[in-house]
Protein backbone atom coordinates (compact mmCIF):
# COMPACT_ATOMS: atom_id res chain seq x y z
CA MET A 1 189.60 -11.14 -63.67
CA HIS A 2 190.54 -10.38 -67.27
CA ARG A 3 191.00 -12.71 -70.19
CA PRO A 4 194.74 -13.29 -70.78
CA GLY A 5 196.30 -11.13 -73.48
CA ILE A 6 193.76 -8.31 -73.50
CA ASP A 7 194.61 -4.80 -74.57
CA PRO A 8 194.31 -2.76 -71.33
CA GLU A 9 193.53 0.33 -73.43
CA ASN A 10 190.59 -1.44 -75.13
CA VAL A 11 188.87 -3.75 -72.60
CA ARG A 12 185.63 -5.21 -73.96
CA MET A 13 182.79 -6.83 -71.99
CA GLU A 14 183.86 -10.34 -72.99
CA ASP A 15 187.37 -9.62 -71.66
CA VAL A 16 185.99 -9.37 -68.11
CA LEU A 17 185.62 -12.79 -66.45
CA CYS A 18 184.00 -13.81 -63.19
CA ASP A 19 186.77 -14.55 -60.69
CA PHE A 20 184.82 -17.52 -59.34
CA CYS A 21 183.70 -19.39 -62.49
CA ALA A 22 185.62 -17.63 -65.32
CA ALA A 23 182.41 -16.96 -67.27
CA PRO A 24 182.74 -13.92 -69.55
CA TRP A 25 180.63 -10.86 -68.95
CA ALA A 26 177.87 -10.49 -71.52
CA GLU A 27 174.84 -8.31 -72.07
CA GLY A 28 172.31 -9.06 -69.33
CA VAL A 29 174.80 -10.86 -67.08
CA PRO A 30 174.92 -9.19 -63.66
CA LEU A 31 178.35 -8.59 -62.10
CA VAL A 32 179.53 -6.96 -58.89
CA GLU A 33 183.05 -5.58 -58.71
CA GLY A 34 185.34 -5.95 -55.71
CA HIS A 35 188.83 -4.58 -55.16
CA ARG A 36 191.38 -4.36 -57.98
CA GLY A 37 188.95 -5.43 -60.67
CA ALA A 38 187.78 -8.69 -59.08
CA VAL A 39 184.20 -9.53 -60.09
CA VAL A 40 181.53 -12.02 -59.10
CA CYS A 41 178.73 -12.91 -61.52
CA GLY A 42 175.10 -13.21 -60.46
CA THR A 43 175.16 -17.01 -60.71
CA CYS A 44 178.17 -17.36 -58.43
CA LEU A 45 176.75 -14.78 -56.04
CA THR A 46 173.51 -16.77 -55.85
CA ASN A 47 175.43 -19.97 -55.08
CA ALA A 48 177.64 -18.25 -52.50
CA TYR A 49 174.65 -16.56 -50.83
CA ARG A 50 172.77 -19.85 -50.56
CA ALA A 51 175.74 -21.64 -49.02
CA LEU A 52 176.95 -18.93 -46.65
CA VAL A 53 173.85 -16.96 -45.67
CA LEU A 54 170.97 -19.41 -45.99
CA GLU A 55 172.74 -22.66 -45.07
CA SER A 56 175.61 -21.29 -42.90
CA ARG A 57 177.86 -23.70 -44.80
CA GLY A 58 181.33 -22.70 -45.85
CA THR A 59 182.96 -24.46 -48.77
CA ALA A 60 186.43 -22.95 -48.27
CA SER A 61 188.63 -22.82 -45.20
CA PRO A 62 188.22 -19.81 -42.90
CA GLY A 63 191.21 -17.51 -43.14
CA GLU A 64 191.71 -17.84 -46.89
CA GLU A 65 192.05 -14.57 -48.79
CA CYS A 66 188.76 -13.25 -50.12
CA ARG A 67 189.12 -12.37 -53.79
CA LEU A 68 186.66 -9.49 -53.47
CA CYS A 69 188.08 -7.61 -50.45
CA LEU A 70 191.60 -9.11 -50.43
CA GLU A 71 191.34 -9.75 -46.67
CA ARG A 72 191.83 -12.92 -44.68
CA ARG A 73 188.80 -13.24 -42.45
CA ASN A 74 188.13 -15.85 -39.81
CA GLU A 75 184.57 -16.62 -40.95
CA ILE A 76 182.86 -19.05 -43.28
CA MET A 77 184.05 -18.71 -46.87
CA TRP A 78 182.71 -19.82 -50.23
CA LEU A 79 184.96 -21.49 -52.81
CA GLY A 80 184.27 -20.91 -56.50
CA ALA A 81 185.09 -23.28 -59.36
CA THR A 82 188.29 -21.37 -60.15
CA GLY A 83 189.62 -21.82 -56.60
CA ALA A 84 188.90 -18.21 -55.58
CA SER A 85 187.23 -17.67 -52.20
CA ALA A 86 184.66 -15.11 -51.05
CA CYS A 87 183.99 -14.11 -47.45
CA LEU A 88 180.56 -13.89 -45.85
CA ARG A 89 180.82 -10.11 -45.48
CA CYS A 90 181.53 -9.60 -49.21
CA VAL A 91 178.78 -12.01 -50.25
CA ARG A 92 176.25 -10.12 -48.13
CA GLN A 93 177.48 -6.75 -49.34
CA SER A 94 177.53 -7.83 -53.01
CA ALA A 95 174.02 -9.26 -52.70
CA GLY A 96 172.81 -5.93 -51.32
CA VAL A 97 174.38 -4.02 -54.20
CA LEU A 98 173.07 -6.32 -56.92
CA ALA A 99 169.57 -6.55 -55.41
CA LYS A 100 169.28 -2.74 -55.64
CA ASP A 101 170.31 -2.60 -59.32
CA PRO A 102 167.12 -2.17 -61.37
CA ASP A 103 168.84 -3.14 -64.62
CA TYR A 104 169.21 -6.81 -63.70
CA GLY A 105 166.31 -7.74 -61.44
CA TRP A 106 168.61 -10.05 -59.40
CA LYS A 107 167.05 -11.11 -56.11
CA ARG A 108 168.58 -12.67 -53.03
CA PRO A 109 167.83 -16.39 -52.85
CA VAL A 110 165.28 -17.45 -50.23
């Protein structure tokens, strides 16, 4: 997500917002990008991973559109503070991507 009113020819870090909590991207803040510029921050990914993978507990209705893959999947979903949903598949995939990034040191919750 982008901050409203940005110059698309001059997008700065703080113009990029997490689609699930609307926190701006900043130095040291891990983000994973989905389709069409959707992003999930490390904090939201941690919360989604805990709920969906560790607790098998969805917080959004199955079949809602996932903000990261833009698909409607009949599986448990996680609902962010902004009302955006993430599917289990995208949460797992995003966790794998972020856990491999040496710049952030993000680890899957246990």
